[in-house]
Structure formats: structure tokens, C-alpha cells
Protein backbone atom coordinates (compact mmCIF):
# COMPACT_ATOMS: atom_id res chain seq x y z
CA MET A 1 34.15 107.36 111.16
CA ASN A 2 32.72 106.25 107.80
CA ASP A 3 33.05 109.84 106.55
CA ASN A 4 36.75 109.78 107.51
CA ARG A 5 37.29 106.54 105.65
CA GLU A 6 35.65 107.97 102.55
CA GLN A 7 37.95 110.98 102.82
CA PHE A 8 40.94 108.65 103.17
CA ARG A 9 39.96 106.93 99.92
CA GLU A 10 39.46 110.20 98.09
CA ASN A 11 42.80 111.49 99.32
CA ALA A 12 44.49 108.25 98.28
CA GLU A 13 42.97 108.48 94.79
CA LYS A 14 44.13 112.09 94.56
CA VAL A 15 47.67 111.09 95.53
CA ALA A 16 47.62 108.24 93.00
CA ARG A 17 46.58 110.70 90.29
CA GLN A 18 49.43 113.00 91.34
CA GLU A 19 51.86 110.11 91.18
CA ARG A 20 50.68 109.20 87.69
CA GLY A 21 51.08 112.83 86.68
CA VAL A 22 54.67 112.85 87.91
CA GLN A 23 55.28 109.55 86.11
CA ASP A 24 53.83 110.88 82.85
CA GLN A 25 56.02 113.99 83.03
CA VAL A 26 59.19 111.98 83.63
CA GLU A 27 58.37 109.44 80.93
CA ARG A 28 57.67 112.17 78.36
CA ALA A 29 61.11 113.64 79.03
CA GLU A 30 62.69 110.20 78.92
CA ARG A 31 61.04 109.30 75.62
CA ALA A 32 62.25 112.56 74.15
CA SER A 33 65.78 111.83 75.31
CA PHE A 34 65.77 108.53 73.41
CA GLN A 35 65.50 110.50 70.16
CA ASP A 36 67.61 113.49 71.22
CA ASP A 37 70.96 113.74 69.48
CA ASP A 38 72.16 115.74 72.46
CA ALA A 39 71.37 112.96 74.96
CA PRO A 40 74.15 112.29 77.48
CA LYS A 41 77.17 110.62 75.94
CA ALA A 42 80.43 109.30 77.34
CA MET A 43 82.03 111.89 79.59
CA GLN A 44 85.11 113.72 78.37
CA ALA A 45 86.76 115.72 81.16
CA GLY A 46 90.46 115.40 80.37
CA ALA A 47 93.09 117.40 78.53
CA ARG A 48 92.20 115.50 75.33
CA GLU A 49 89.37 113.28 74.15
CA TYR A 50 89.44 109.53 74.71
CA PRO A 51 87.88 106.64 72.75
CA VAL A 52 84.33 105.66 73.62
CA PRO A 53 82.38 102.44 73.01
CA PRO A 54 81.84 100.78 70.67
CA LEU A 55 85.57 100.05 70.69
CA THR A 56 87.51 98.30 67.96
CA GLN A 57 86.87 94.58 68.24
CA GLN A 58 90.01 92.52 68.79
CA HIS A 59 90.99 89.47 70.81
CA LEU A 60 94.61 88.89 71.85
CA GLU A 61 96.45 85.80 72.95
CA LYS A 62 97.84 85.99 76.47
CA PRO A 63 99.76 87.65 77.94
CA GLY A 64 98.63 90.33 75.46
CA VAL A 65 100.98 92.55 73.48
CA GLU A 66 100.20 96.25 73.34
CA ALA A 67 101.96 96.56 69.99
CA ASP A 68 99.30 94.25 68.51
CA LEU A 69 96.35 96.40 69.56
CA LYS A 70 94.59 98.17 66.70
CA LEU A 71 93.21 100.74 69.13
CA GLU A 72 96.42 101.98 70.74
CA PRO A 73 96.24 102.75 74.46
CA MET A 74 96.99 106.38 75.28
CA TYR A 75 99.84 106.44 77.77
CA ASP A 76 102.17 109.37 77.10
CA ALA A 77 100.11 112.15 78.78
CA PRO A 78 101.44 114.97 76.57
CA PHE A 79 99.81 117.69 78.68
CA TYR A 80 101.25 116.43 81.98
CA LYS A 81 104.16 118.57 83.17
CA GLY A 82 106.70 117.05 85.56
CA SER A 83 107.90 119.00 88.59
CA GLY A 84 110.58 116.82 90.16
CA LYS A 85 108.26 114.90 92.48
CA LEU A 86 110.48 111.80 92.15
CA GLU A 87 113.78 113.47 91.32
CA GLY A 88 116.72 111.05 91.48
CA PHE A 89 114.57 108.13 92.63
CA GLY A 90 115.20 104.53 91.69
CA THR A 91 111.90 102.83 90.90
CA LEU A 92 110.73 99.34 89.92
CA VAL A 93 107.45 98.78 88.08
CA THR A 94 106.12 95.24 87.57
CA GLY A 95 103.99 94.77 84.48
CA GLY A 96 105.83 97.85 83.28
CA ASP A 97 105.93 96.88 79.63
CA SER A 98 102.40 97.99 78.74
CA GLY A 99 99.10 99.39 79.92
CA ILE A 100 99.04 101.14 83.29
CA GLY A 101 102.61 100.05 83.99
CA ARG A 102 103.93 101.77 80.87
CA ALA A 103 102.04 104.98 81.63
CA VAL A 104 103.36 104.95 85.20
CA ALA A 105 106.93 104.38 83.99
CA VAL A 106 106.68 107.37 81.65
CA LEU A 107 105.32 109.74 84.29
CA PHE A 108 107.81 108.51 86.88
CA ALA A 109 110.57 109.36 84.40
CA ARG A 110 109.00 112.75 83.70
CA GLU A 111 109.08 113.37 87.45
CA GLY A 112 112.82 112.58 87.54
CA ALA A 113 112.97 108.85 88.34
CA ASP A 114 114.96 106.03 86.77
CA VAL A 115 112.76 103.01 86.05
CA ALA A 116 113.33 99.26 86.16
CA ILE A 117 110.71 97.59 83.96
CA ALA A 118 109.71 94.12 85.13
CA TYR A 119 107.59 92.10 82.71
CA LEU A 120 106.84 88.53 81.62
CA ASP A 121 107.92 88.04 78.00
CA GLU A 122 106.38 90.91 76.00
CA HIS A 123 109.79 92.04 74.76
CA GLU A 124 108.58 94.35 71.98
CA ASP A 125 106.34 96.23 74.40
CA ALA A 126 109.08 96.42 77.01
CA GLU A 127 111.53 97.92 74.52
CA ALA A 128 108.95 100.56 73.61
CA THR A 129 108.49 101.45 77.28
CA LYS A 130 112.25 101.63 77.78
CA ALA A 131 112.54 104.00 74.82
CA ALA A 132 109.73 106.15 76.22
CA VAL A 133 111.49 106.43 79.60
CA GLU A 134 114.79 107.29 77.94
CA LYS A 135 113.01 109.93 75.85
CA GLU A 136 112.21 111.62 79.16
CA GLY A 137 115.94 111.76 79.89
CA ARG A 138 116.05 108.98 82.49
CA ARG A 139 117.60 105.53 82.67
CA ALA A 140 115.64 102.32 82.16
CA ILE A 141 116.48 98.63 82.47
CA LEU A 142 114.47 95.60 81.36
CA LEU A 143 113.83 92.68 83.73
CA PRO A 144 111.93 89.81 82.07
CA GLY A 145 110.67 87.11 84.40
CA ASP A 146 107.77 85.70 86.41
CA VAL A 147 106.87 87.64 89.56
CA ALA A 148 105.48 84.42 91.05
CA ASP A 149 109.10 83.20 91.32
CA PRO A 150 110.69 84.55 94.53
CA ALA A 151 114.18 84.10 93.10
CA TYR A 152 113.29 86.31 90.15
CA CYS A 153 111.89 88.98 92.48
CA ARG A 154 115.07 89.00 94.54
CA ASP A 155 117.16 89.28 91.37
CA ALA A 156 114.99 92.07 89.92
CA VAL A 157 115.32 94.11 93.09
CA ALA A 158 119.08 93.45 93.29
CA ARG A 159 119.60 94.55 89.68
CA THR A 160 117.54 97.69 90.26
CA VAL A 161 119.61 98.65 93.29
CA GLU A 162 122.87 97.76 91.53
CA THR A 163 121.98 99.88 88.49
CA PHE A 164 120.39 102.90 90.15
CA GLY A 165 122.10 102.74 93.53
CA ARG A 166 118.78 102.85 95.37
CA LEU A 167 115.17 101.69 95.41
CA ASP A 168 112.68 104.35 96.44
CA VAL A 169 109.42 103.20 94.87
CA LEU A 170 108.08 99.73 94.09
CA VAL A 171 104.95 99.54 91.95
CA ASN A 172 103.35 96.10 92.21
CA ASN A 173 101.23 96.09 89.07
CA ALA A 174 101.65 92.80 87.14
CA ALA A 175 98.42 90.82 86.89
CA PHE A 176 96.75 87.76 85.38
CA GLN A 177 93.06 87.97 84.50
CA GLU A 178 90.83 85.45 82.75
CA HIS A 179 87.05 85.37 83.14
CA GLU A 180 85.06 82.20 83.75
CA HIS A 181 81.56 81.39 82.51
CA SER A 182 80.61 79.47 85.64
CA PHE A 183 82.20 78.94 89.02
CA GLU A 184 82.05 75.18 88.47
CA ASP A 185 84.33 75.58 85.44
CA LEU A 186 87.03 77.50 87.33
CA THR A 187 89.91 75.02 87.33
CA GLU A 188 92.63 74.73 89.92
CA ASP A 189 95.23 75.62 87.28
CA HIS A 190 93.34 78.79 86.42
CA PHE A 191 92.84 79.71 90.08
CA ASP A 192 96.45 78.90 90.90
CA ARG A 193 97.82 81.12 88.10
CA THR A 194 95.71 84.06 89.26
CA ILE A 195 96.74 83.65 92.90
CA LYS A 196 100.42 83.12 92.07
CA THR A 197 100.70 86.22 89.89
CA ASN A 198 98.38 88.63 91.69
CA LEU A 199 99.10 87.75 95.34
CA TYR A 200 102.32 85.74 95.55
CA GLY A 201 103.91 88.09 93.01
CA TYR A 202 103.08 91.14 95.10
CA PHE A 203 104.26 89.42 98.28
CA HIS A 204 107.56 88.18 96.83
CA MET A 205 108.42 91.52 95.24
CA ALA A 206 107.58 93.54 98.36
CA LYS A 207 109.53 91.13 100.56
CA ALA A 208 112.57 91.46 98.30
CA ALA A 209 112.27 95.25 98.10
CA VAL A 210 111.68 96.33 101.70
CA PRO A 211 115.20 95.57 103.01
CA HIS A 212 116.60 97.96 100.39
CA MET A 213 114.14 100.80 101.04
CA LYS A 214 114.94 103.75 103.27
CA ARG A 215 112.70 106.13 105.18
CA GLY A 216 110.56 108.08 102.71
CA ALA A 217 110.28 105.19 100.26
CA SER A 218 106.91 103.84 99.17
CA ILE A 219 105.11 100.89 97.66
CA VAL A 220 102.12 101.39 95.38
CA MET A 221 99.97 98.40 94.44
CA THR A 222 97.40 98.00 91.70
CA GLY A 223 94.11 96.84 93.11
CA SER A 224 90.81 97.00 91.23
CA VAL A 225 87.20 98.05 91.39
CA THR A 226 86.52 94.30 91.34
CA GLY A 227 88.21 94.11 94.74
CA LEU A 228 85.77 96.73 96.02
CA LEU A 229 82.52 95.60 94.37
CA GLY A 230 83.20 92.04 93.18
CA ASN A 231 82.60 90.73 89.67
CA LYS A 232 80.53 87.65 88.87
CA ALA A 233 82.70 86.68 85.90
CA LEU A 234 86.02 87.31 87.68
CA VAL A 235 85.63 85.48 90.98
CA ASP A 236 89.30 84.53 91.36
CA TYR A 237 90.62 87.86 90.07
CA SER A 238 88.30 89.84 92.36
CA LEU A 239 89.42 87.72 95.29
CA THR A 240 93.06 88.60 94.63
CA LYS A 241 92.32 92.29 94.19
CA GLY A 242 90.45 92.41 97.49
CA GLY A 243 93.47 90.65 99.00
CA ILE A 244 95.77 93.29 97.52
CA HIS A 245 93.72 96.02 99.17
CA ALA A 246 94.00 94.26 102.53
CA PHE A 247 97.72 93.65 101.92
CA ALA A 248 98.30 97.36 101.28
CA ARG A 249 96.41 98.34 104.42
CA SER A 250 98.18 95.78 106.59
CA LEU A 251 101.69 96.25 105.18
CA GLY A 252 101.22 100.01 105.39
CA SER A 253 100.64 99.71 109.14
CA HIS A 254 103.48 97.24 109.52
CA LEU A 255 106.04 99.50 107.83
CA VAL A 256 105.14 102.75 109.56
CA ASP A 257 108.09 102.39 111.95
CA LYS A 258 110.43 102.06 108.97
CA GLY A 259 109.04 105.21 107.37
CA ILE A 260 107.86 103.30 104.27
CA ARG A 261 104.38 104.09 102.99
CA VAL A 262 102.17 101.51 101.26
CA ASN A 263 99.05 102.37 99.25
CA ALA A 264 96.96 101.00 96.39
CA VAL A 265 95.17 102.37 93.35
CA ALA A 266 91.91 100.61 92.48
CA PRO A 267 91.26 101.19 88.77
CA GLY A 268 87.98 100.66 87.02
CA PRO A 269 88.00 99.50 83.38
CA VAL A 270 91.20 100.66 81.64
CA TRP A 271 92.08 100.12 78.00
CA THR A 272 95.16 97.88 78.17
CA PRO A 273 96.12 94.53 76.60
CA LEU A 274 94.81 92.77 79.74
CA ASN A 275 91.16 92.93 78.73
CA PRO A 276 91.37 92.16 74.99
CA ALA A 277 93.44 89.16 76.10
CA ASP A 278 90.55 88.14 78.35
CA LYS A 279 87.13 88.72 76.80
CA MET A 280 86.24 87.72 73.24
CA ASP A 281 83.98 90.76 72.72
CA ILE A 282 85.53 94.01 73.89
CA THR A 283 83.41 96.53 71.97
CA LYS A 284 81.35 97.61 75.01
CA PHE A 285 84.25 97.60 77.46
CA GLY A 286 83.80 100.40 79.99
CA ALA A 287 80.37 101.42 78.70
CA GLY A 288 78.75 100.49 82.01
CA THR A 289 80.62 103.11 84.03
CA PRO A 290 78.89 106.42 84.83
CA MET A 291 81.39 108.10 82.50
CA GLY A 292 80.34 105.69 79.74
CA ARG A 293 83.83 104.70 78.61
CA PRO A 294 87.01 102.98 79.80
CA ALA A 295 89.90 105.00 81.15
CA GLN A 296 93.12 105.30 79.20
CA PRO A 297 96.37 104.41 81.01
CA GLU A 298 97.50 108.03 81.14
CA GLU A 299 94.41 108.83 83.21
CA LEU A 300 95.55 106.39 85.91
CA ALA A 301 99.25 107.17 86.05
CA PRO A 302 99.00 110.50 87.95
CA ALA A 303 97.40 108.64 90.87
CA TYR A 304 100.54 106.50 91.15
CA VAL A 305 102.77 109.57 91.04
CA PHE A 306 100.65 111.16 93.76
CA LEU A 307 100.87 108.15 96.08
CA ALA A 308 104.55 107.47 95.34
CA SER A 309 105.88 110.96 95.96
CA PRO A 310 106.79 112.12 99.49
CA GLN A 311 106.00 115.63 98.27
CA THR A 312 102.32 114.86 97.74
CA ALA A 313 101.42 111.88 99.95
CA SER A 314 103.71 111.98 103.00
CA TYR A 315 100.74 111.53 105.37
CA ILE A 316 99.02 108.80 103.36
CA THR A 317 99.56 105.10 103.98
CA GLY A 318 97.32 102.06 103.89
CA GLU A 319 94.83 103.80 101.60
CA ILE A 320 92.93 102.50 98.57
CA LEU A 321 92.39 105.16 95.90
CA PRO A 322 89.57 104.24 93.50
CA VAL A 323 89.87 105.63 89.96
CA ILE A 324 86.77 104.03 88.51
CA GLY A 325 84.89 106.58 86.39
CA GLY A 326 82.26 107.42 88.99
CA TYR A 327 79.71 105.68 91.18
CA SER A 328 76.19 104.75 90.17
CA GLY A 329 73.22 104.37 92.45
CA GLY A 330 71.73 101.86 90.02
């Protein structure tokens, strides 16, 4: 028995030496990578290259105007070719003046849709989006107002239907985001504004839109990776985004009998005015993703086209589509 125990110890020491050998080999390669100019960098897998951290430092006042950004978001997707996926559709995009909303409006127009652009008060941005839609040969109207106001939502939907004669796609995208340093400092006013914009706004707009939508219509909502994974500095925002995911799933089931599909896109970090109007330091924004950079709006917009079109997503409802730059095992 003692001989066995001695063998156990010798075997254990041998294994420990093997483990140290493996460790040494890995650490040698890792140390070399620290000084290797060809070490992994931010991933570029698109039709053109996108900005990588460190990004241009800038802090915007809310609600954030895209025209003021020194590093201009890339939204026009010049290599994307339309194929009539939304031909003749009447569409309404909230938060359509800038960021993801602007990119979605442009691709919707390229796919043959007219676009109603709902926004708060970023008039310069909204005019630029309108011009971009019209450049695609489609009609656009501007609808300034607060999505938290049910009367505004009813009026925005009514004007869309009056102008285009139909409402086929609603994109609930408008959002309020402001980080907090500690949960104890999250005020009721702050919490209320986030809930009113991100949840009430989606509810009011969907409620106003559904009576005007026919079989084959769809609703696409903007969720967030924060609604999937949480975010310690965005407790209230993450709460609303998780709620949006549940809203899409539940409303999708509820509207099956009407032939209206409801889905959500859950973006990761995207370079839009939303984040420079939130954090003071934006230089490392998106660096923590596996791809090592934030997305540009034009990289998100095709997901909205996919979910909105009956040609591509007729059997998809109640789904959450993450576009987050990859998953990391830690």
C-alpha cells in the first residue's frame, strides 16, 4: 500500500511538471504576442472598413445630434443593393432622424418603401434623413414629437396612413439612455424618463399602429444586448430593453391571428449619437466586444430589413435577433 502511495506522489509530481510545461509554452506565445505587430486587432469583415478604438473623444448634450459628431456614423451602406423587399410599403421609424433609425430608413427606401420619420427635436438630423430617403427615390415625412405621449403616437400613425395610404412596417426604435454611477443615485425622474420613452413609447406607438396594419405587416423593435446580459451602469435602460424583448415575444404571439409579425433586433455597441450623449469618455466604446470595435449603423440596418420583409421572414415572429459583435467565454 505504501508503495502505491509513493507511486501516486510521483505520478502527481510528473503531472504537475507537465502542467507547468504547458503553462510555460502558452505564456511564451502570449508574451510574444504582446510585442507582435500582427497581434489580433479589431475585426473587419464588412464591405468596407469601420473605425476602431480609440475613437474620437466627444461628449454631446442630449438628445444628441448626429450632425455634431466629429466621427460621422456610417449609415448609407453603399454596397447594399435593394431588391424590392419592401416595394410600395408605408413604414414608420421612431428615432428615425439619426443612428440606427437613419440607416434603417435609408435601406427601407432602397427596398422600395416610403418612410415616416418620427423623432424628438433633432430637426437638422431629421432633414438629412429625409433627404437621404428621397435620394433613394421614395417619399419621406417628418414627425417631431415625444413617443411617450399617446396622442402624438396616434397622430404620427394617422399622418403616415394619410400620406402613404397604408402602414406596413412599424419600427419602434426611439430610446433614452443615461448611465448612473450607483444605483442609489438613480432618481425617479431619470428612471421615469427611461421607462416612458423605452417602454411606454413602444406600447403607445404599437397600439396606435396595429388597427391600421393588414395581414403581412410587421413590427420590428430595437432591443439591446443589455436586455440579454444586463449592464451594471445601465440598470434602468437594461430593464427596459429586457422588457422590449418580452413585449416583442408576447405581442408576436398575440397578433398571429391578425397575420402581423413582431420581432426585435438586439444590438451591441453601435456608433450613434446615443452613446456620446451618455458617457463622458467614449474613446474605448465597443472595444470590449470580441470584434474589438463598435458596429456602424449600416451594419445593423439589414437585420431590420430582414425581419420587416414578408419575403425573408414570413415564418419568423416573436424572435430576438442579437447583432452584438460576437460572444466571449470570458
